[in-house]
């Protein structure tokens, strides 16, 4: 069996409408720039702050939110293991963020039916990071800082700077969905 490495399209944040509209489900991208790490408690806190003040702790327009919480870094490292968590768990927090311009979310696994519909309605992407490869993914993280909610510990809102972070487009803006494809070549990456 010969395993070939997929080809990647280089993409930078913040994501623009032009870039988003041209990406299709099943396409590999190499993402560079900012991502914001936010899990369940973080997402709840962001939504609470939006409702209370009308603002989020970071610019939402064109932003990429990665559903992950990093492990503490080893000596000399920027970040500990940083792997995706199941994104369907945070779909209840999704709409206020997408309607304010969040361009993409990153996680693992299929989303709820409502989550899939929201991504299409707001023209945003769902990007899939390789589950089980958290230690490997740290190689693509150049910087990390806590932005808000430090009381949440590992779930504090963090900004990371990534370089060539490998991702698979899970949902595109026209309803493409890799989880409903019968393509065994793609299924092995999920």
C-alpha atoms as a PDB file:
ATOM      1  CA  UNK A   1       0.000   0.000   0.000  1.00  0.00           C
ATOM      2  CA  UNK A   2       1.377   3.386  -1.013  1.00  0.00           C
ATOM      3  CA  UNK A   3       0.385   6.323   1.159  1.00  0.00           C
ATOM      4  CA  UNK A   4       0.558   9.663  -0.564  1.00  0.00           C
ATOM      5  CA  UNK A   5       0.552  12.989   1.195  1.00  0.00           C
ATOM      6  CA  UNK A   6      -2.372  15.189   0.138  1.00  0.00           C
ATOM      7  CA  UNK A   7      -1.656  18.543  -1.471  1.00  0.00           C
ATOM      8  CA  UNK A   8      -2.480  21.582   0.640  1.00  0.00           C
ATOM      9  CA  UNK A   9      -3.755  25.034  -0.246  1.00  0.00           C
ATOM     10  CA  UNK A  10      -2.011  27.764   1.788  1.00  0.00           C
ATOM     11  CA  UNK A  11      -4.515  29.922   3.647  1.00  0.00           C
ATOM     12  CA  UNK A  12      -3.928  32.821   6.064  1.00  0.00           C
ATOM     13  CA  UNK A  13      -6.049  34.389   8.769  1.00  0.00           C
ATOM     14  CA  UNK A  14      -8.126  36.417   9.135  1.00  0.00           C
ATOM     15  CA  UNK A  15     -10.134  34.490   6.561  1.00  0.00           C
ATOM     16  CA  UNK A  16     -11.725  36.598   3.845  1.00  0.00           C
ATOM     17  CA  UNK A  17     -15.012  35.926   2.028  1.00  0.00           C
ATOM     18  CA  UNK A  18     -13.078  35.415  -1.204  1.00  0.00           C
ATOM     19  CA  UNK A  19     -10.999  32.603   0.312  1.00  0.00           C
ATOM     20  CA  UNK A  20     -13.912  30.984   2.158  1.00  0.00           C
ATOM     21  CA  UNK A  21     -16.137  30.872  -0.917  1.00  0.00           C
ATOM     22  CA  UNK A  22     -13.489  29.015  -2.952  1.00  0.00           C
ATOM     23  CA  UNK A  23     -12.724  26.238  -0.462  1.00  0.00           C
ATOM     24  CA  UNK A  24     -14.605  22.954  -0.823  1.00  0.00           C
ATOM     25  CA  UNK A  25     -15.317  20.055   1.496  1.00  0.00           C
ATOM     26  CA  UNK A  26     -12.558  17.468   1.212  1.00  0.00           C
ATOM     27  CA  UNK A  27      -9.863  20.006   0.358  1.00  0.00           C
ATOM     28  CA  UNK A  28      -6.741  20.141   2.536  1.00  0.00           C
ATOM     29  CA  UNK A  29      -5.475  23.509   3.740  1.00  0.00           C
ATOM     30  CA  UNK A  30      -2.334  24.685   5.456  1.00  0.00           C
ATOM     31  CA  UNK A  31      -3.433  27.475   7.817  1.00  0.00           C
ATOM     32  CA  UNK A  32      -1.139  30.237   9.056  1.00  0.00           C
ATOM     33  CA  UNK A  33      -2.006  33.094  11.396  1.00  0.00           C
ATOM     34  CA  UNK A  34      -4.236  33.428  14.450  1.00  0.00           C
ATOM     35  CA  UNK A  35      -6.644  30.906  15.902  1.00  0.00           C
ATOM     36  CA  UNK A  36      -8.552  31.171  19.167  1.00  0.00           C
ATOM     37  CA  UNK A  37      -8.762  28.146  21.438  1.00  0.00           C
ATOM     38  CA  UNK A  38     -12.223  27.796  22.972  1.00  0.00           C
ATOM     39  CA  UNK A  39     -13.922  24.790  24.535  1.00  0.00           C
ATOM     40  CA  UNK A  40     -17.315  24.483  26.248  1.00  0.00           C
ATOM     41  CA  UNK A  41     -16.778  26.775  29.241  1.00  0.00           C
ATOM     42  CA  UNK A  42     -14.916  29.302  27.102  1.00  0.00           C
ATOM     43  CA  UNK A  43     -17.680  29.412  24.501  1.00  0.00           C
ATOM     44  CA  UNK A  44     -20.243  29.956  27.264  1.00  0.00           C
ATOM     45  CA  UNK A  45     -18.160  32.838  28.659  1.00  0.00           C
ATOM     46  CA  UNK A  46     -17.773  34.480  25.241  1.00  0.00           C
ATOM     47  CA  UNK A  47     -21.533  34.321  24.614  1.00  0.00           C
ATOM     48  CA  UNK A  48     -22.210  35.691  28.098  1.00  0.00           C
ATOM     49  CA  UNK A  49     -19.840  38.605  27.438  1.00  0.00           C
ATOM     50  CA  UNK A  50     -21.441  39.279  24.042  1.00  0.00           C
ATOM     51  CA  UNK A  51     -24.866  39.440  25.670  1.00  0.00           C
ATOM     52  CA  UNK A  52     -23.630  41.644  28.515  1.00  0.00           C
ATOM     53  CA  UNK A  53     -21.364  44.089  26.641  1.00  0.00           C
ATOM     54  CA  UNK A  54     -21.993  43.499  22.934  1.00  0.00           C
ATOM     55  CA  UNK A  55     -18.317  42.711  22.425  1.00  0.00           C
ATOM     56  CA  UNK A  56     -16.030  39.679  22.477  1.00  0.00           C
ATOM     57  CA  UNK A  57     -12.432  39.551  23.781  1.00  0.00           C
ATOM     58  CA  UNK A  58     -11.145  39.338  20.181  1.00  0.00           C
ATOM     59  CA  UNK A  59     -12.199  40.501  16.713  1.00  0.00           C
ATOM     60  CA  UNK A  60     -14.793  38.035  15.467  1.00  0.00           C
ATOM     61  CA  UNK A  61     -14.832  39.116  11.808  1.00  0.00           C
ATOM     62  CA  UNK A  62     -12.777  36.571   9.841  1.00  0.00           C
ATOM     63  CA  UNK A  63     -11.741  34.717  13.015  1.00  0.00           C
ATOM     64  CA  UNK A  64     -11.059  30.998  13.347  1.00  0.00           C
ATOM     65  CA  UNK A  65     -12.137  29.320  16.588  1.00  0.00           C
ATOM     66  CA  UNK A  66     -10.409  26.029  17.420  1.00  0.00           C
ATOM     67  CA  UNK A  67     -12.299  23.774  19.830  1.00  0.00           C
ATOM     68  CA  UNK A  68      -9.306  22.690  21.872  1.00  0.00           C
ATOM     69  CA  UNK A  69      -7.730  23.129  25.261  1.00  0.00           C
ATOM     70  CA  UNK A  70      -3.949  22.737  25.432  1.00  0.00           C
ATOM     71  CA  UNK A  71      -2.011  20.682  27.931  1.00  0.00           C
ATOM     72  CA  UNK A  72       0.660  22.579  29.900  1.00  0.00           C
ATOM     73  CA  UNK A  73       3.807  23.088  27.815  1.00  0.00           C
ATOM     74  CA  UNK A  74       6.887  20.995  28.390  1.00  0.00           C
ATOM     75  CA  UNK A  75      10.082  22.907  29.259  1.00  0.00           C
ATOM     76  CA  UNK A  76      11.255  24.896  26.256  1.00  0.00           C
ATOM     77  CA  UNK A  77       7.980  24.459  24.349  1.00  0.00           C
ATOM     78  CA  UNK A  78       5.355  27.057  23.431  1.00  0.00           C
ATOM     79  CA  UNK A  79       2.394  24.806  24.064  1.00  0.00           C
ATOM     80  CA  UNK A  80       1.642  21.321  25.338  1.00  0.00           C
ATOM     81  CA  UNK A  81      -0.444  18.890  23.342  1.00  0.00           C
ATOM     82  CA  UNK A  82      -3.165  20.786  21.479  1.00  0.00           C
ATOM     83  CA  UNK A  83      -5.689  18.534  19.835  1.00  0.00           C
ATOM     84  CA  UNK A  84      -9.270  19.036  18.734  1.00  0.00           C
ATOM     85  CA  UNK A  85     -12.286  18.229  20.855  1.00  0.00           C
ATOM     86  CA  UNK A  86     -15.675  17.128  19.554  1.00  0.00           C
ATOM     87  CA  UNK A  87     -17.249  20.249  18.074  1.00  0.00           C
ATOM     88  CA  UNK A  88     -20.862  19.066  18.234  1.00  0.00           C
ATOM     89  CA  UNK A  89     -20.725  19.724  21.993  1.00  0.00           C
ATOM     90  CA  UNK A  90     -20.482  23.476  21.451  1.00  0.00           C
ATOM     91  CA  UNK A  91     -23.023  23.871  18.639  1.00  0.00           C
ATOM     92  CA  UNK A  92     -25.464  25.498  21.075  1.00  0.00           C
ATOM     93  CA  UNK A  93     -23.072  28.486  21.250  1.00  0.00           C
ATOM     94  CA  UNK A  94     -22.420  28.718  17.517  1.00  0.00           C
ATOM     95  CA  UNK A  95     -24.989  31.106  16.049  1.00  0.00           C
ATOM     96  CA  UNK A  96     -24.085  34.344  17.894  1.00  0.00           C
ATOM     97  CA  UNK A  97     -20.461  33.899  16.809  1.00  0.00           C
ATOM     98  CA  UNK A  98     -21.158  33.060  13.169  1.00  0.00           C
ATOM     99  CA  UNK A  99     -23.644  35.912  12.797  1.00  0.00           C
ATOM    100  CA  UNK A 100     -20.921  38.302  14.005  1.00  0.00           C
ATOM    101  CA  UNK A 101     -18.449  37.151  11.366  1.00  0.00           C
ATOM    102  CA  UNK A 102     -16.535  34.116  12.677  1.00  0.00           C
ATOM    103  CA  UNK A 103     -15.294  32.598   9.424  1.00  0.00           C
ATOM    104  CA  UNK A 104     -14.469  29.062  10.550  1.00  0.00           C
ATOM    105  CA  UNK A 105     -14.505  26.659  13.433  1.00  0.00           C
ATOM    106  CA  UNK A 106     -12.013  23.838  13.914  1.00  0.00           C
ATOM    107  CA  UNK A 107     -12.596  20.579  15.734  1.00  0.00           C
ATOM    108  CA  UNK A 108     -13.172  16.902  15.195  1.00  0.00           C
ATOM    109  CA  UNK A 109     -16.153  14.804  14.245  1.00  0.00           C
ATOM    110  CA  UNK A 110     -19.425  15.627  12.565  1.00  0.00           C
ATOM    111  CA  UNK A 111     -21.606  18.444  13.928  1.00  0.00           C
ATOM    112  CA  UNK A 112     -25.247  18.404  14.918  1.00  0.00           C
ATOM    113  CA  UNK A 113     -27.826  18.999  12.190  1.00  0.00           C
ATOM    114  CA  UNK A 114     -28.292  22.533  13.547  1.00  0.00           C
ATOM    115  CA  UNK A 115     -24.512  23.112  13.505  1.00  0.00           C
ATOM    116  CA  UNK A 116     -24.313  22.030   9.865  1.00  0.00           C
ATOM    117  CA  UNK A 117     -27.210  24.301   8.914  1.00  0.00           C
ATOM    118  CA  UNK A 118     -25.687  27.283  10.734  1.00  0.00           C
ATOM    119  CA  UNK A 119     -22.373  26.952   8.882  1.00  0.00           C
ATOM    120  CA  UNK A 120     -24.198  27.062   5.541  1.00  0.00           C
ATOM    121  CA  UNK A 121     -26.594  29.850   6.612  1.00  0.00           C
ATOM    122  CA  UNK A 122     -23.742  32.130   7.668  1.00  0.00           C
ATOM    123  CA  UNK A 123     -21.302  31.076   4.947  1.00  0.00           C
ATOM    124  CA  UNK A 124     -18.649  29.766   7.306  1.00  0.00           C
ATOM    125  CA  UNK A 125     -16.372  26.737   7.199  1.00  0.00           C
ATOM    126  CA  UNK A 126     -15.979  23.800   9.526  1.00  0.00           C
ATOM    127  CA  UNK A 127     -12.366  22.633   9.449  1.00  0.00           C
ATOM    128  CA  UNK A 128     -11.320  19.254  10.793  1.00  0.00           C
ATOM    129  CA  UNK A 129      -8.068  18.723  12.712  1.00  0.00           C
ATOM    130  CA  UNK A 130      -6.667  15.250  13.093  1.00  0.00           C
ATOM    131  CA  UNK A 131      -7.945  13.685  16.315  1.00  0.00           C
ATOM    132  CA  UNK A 132      -5.388  11.703  18.311  1.00  0.00           C
ATOM    133  CA  UNK A 133      -2.491  13.793  17.002  1.00  0.00           C
ATOM    134  CA  UNK A 134      -2.340  16.515  19.680  1.00  0.00           C
ATOM    135  CA  UNK A 135       1.398  16.121  20.294  1.00  0.00           C
ATOM    136  CA  UNK A 136       2.114  16.318  16.553  1.00  0.00           C
ATOM    137  CA  UNK A 137      -0.062  19.416  16.073  1.00  0.00           C
ATOM    138  CA  UNK A 138       2.022  21.375  18.601  1.00  0.00           C
ATOM    139  CA  UNK A 139       4.765  21.486  15.968  1.00  0.00           C
ATOM    140  CA  UNK A 140       2.657  24.011  14.039  1.00  0.00           C
ATOM    141  CA  UNK A 141       2.056  26.385  16.989  1.00  0.00           C
ATOM    142  CA  UNK A 142       4.563  29.264  17.123  1.00  0.00           C
ATOM    143  CA  UNK A 143       3.003  31.337  19.929  1.00  0.00           C
ATOM    144  CA  UNK A 144       0.290  31.097  22.566  1.00  0.00           C
ATOM    145  CA  UNK A 145      -1.168  33.569  25.057  1.00  0.00           C
ATOM    146  CA  UNK A 146      -4.152  33.666  27.408  1.00  0.00           C
ATOM    147  CA  UNK A 147      -6.572  36.377  26.259  1.00  0.00           C
ATOM    148  CA  UNK A 148      -9.435  36.046  28.732  1.00  0.00           C
ATOM    149  CA  UNK A 149     -11.049  33.920  31.434  1.00  0.00           C
ATOM    150  CA  UNK A 150      -7.845  32.682  33.130  1.00  0.00           C
ATOM    151  CA  UNK A 151     -10.025  31.297  35.944  1.00  0.00           C
ATOM    152  CA  UNK A 152     -11.093  28.559  33.496  1.00  0.00           C
ATOM    153  CA  UNK A 153      -7.607  27.004  33.586  1.00  0.00           C
ATOM    154  CA  UNK A 154      -7.098  24.800  30.505  1.00  0.00           C
ATOM    155  CA  UNK A 155     -10.326  26.215  29.055  1.00  0.00           C
ATOM    156  CA  UNK A 156      -9.188  29.845  29.264  1.00  0.00           C
ATOM    157  CA  UNK A 157      -9.533  31.694  25.973  1.00  0.00           C
ATOM    158  CA  UNK A 158      -6.175  31.529  24.221  1.00  0.00           C
ATOM    159  CA  UNK A 159      -4.806  33.048  21.041  1.00  0.00           C
ATOM    160  CA  UNK A 160      -2.352  30.905  19.151  1.00  0.00           C
ATOM    161  CA  UNK A 161      -0.248  31.759  16.141  1.00  0.00           C
ATOM    162  CA  UNK A 162       0.095  28.812  13.801  1.00  0.00           C
ATOM    163  CA  UNK A 163       2.328  28.156  10.820  1.00  0.00           C
ATOM    164  CA  UNK A 164       1.145  25.707   8.148  1.00  0.00           C
ATOM    165  CA  UNK A 165      -1.368  24.028  10.486  1.00  0.00           C
ATOM    166  CA  UNK A 166      -2.843  21.039   8.565  1.00  0.00           C
ATOM    167  CA  UNK A 167      -6.647  21.006   8.305  1.00  0.00           C
ATOM    168  CA  UNK A 168      -9.310  19.322   6.191  1.00  0.00           C
ATOM    169  CA  UNK A 169     -12.350  21.315   5.035  1.00  0.00           C
ATOM    170  CA  UNK A 170     -15.221  19.404   6.638  1.00  0.00           C
ATOM    171  CA  UNK A 171     -18.110  21.670   5.589  1.00  0.00           C
ATOM    172  CA  UNK A 172     -17.973  24.330   2.939  1.00  0.00           C
ATOM    173  CA  UNK A 173     -20.249  27.310   2.304  1.00  0.00           C
ATOM    174  CA  UNK A 174     -22.445  25.519  -0.225  1.00  0.00           C
ATOM    175  CA  UNK A 175     -23.373  22.528   1.911  1.00  0.00           C
ATOM    176  CA  UNK A 176     -20.489  20.198   1.047  1.00  0.00           C
ATOM    177  CA  UNK A 177     -19.926  17.757   3.916  1.00  0.00           C
ATOM    178  CA  UNK A 178     -17.137  15.162   4.087  1.00  0.00           C
ATOM    179  CA  UNK A 179     -19.006  13.190   6.727  1.00  0.00           C
ATOM    180  CA  UNK A 180     -21.715  12.288   4.243  1.00  0.00           C
ATOM    181  CA  UNK A 181     -19.388  11.304   1.431  1.00  0.00           C
ATOM    182  CA  UNK A 182     -18.693   7.691   0.652  1.00  0.00           C
ATOM    183  CA  UNK A 183     -15.095   8.455  -0.289  1.00  0.00           C
ATOM    184  CA  UNK A 184     -12.868   5.978   1.623  1.00  0.00           C
ATOM    185  CA  UNK A 185      -9.803   8.109   0.828  1.00  0.00           C
ATOM    186  CA  UNK A 186     -11.239  10.936   2.961  1.00  0.00           C
ATOM    187  CA  UNK A 187     -12.838   8.743   5.631  1.00  0.00           C
ATOM    188  CA  UNK A 188      -9.431   7.440   6.768  1.00  0.00           C
ATOM    189  CA  UNK A 189      -8.504  10.959   7.966  1.00  0.00           C
ATOM    190  CA  UNK A 190     -11.581  11.402  10.182  1.00  0.00           C
END
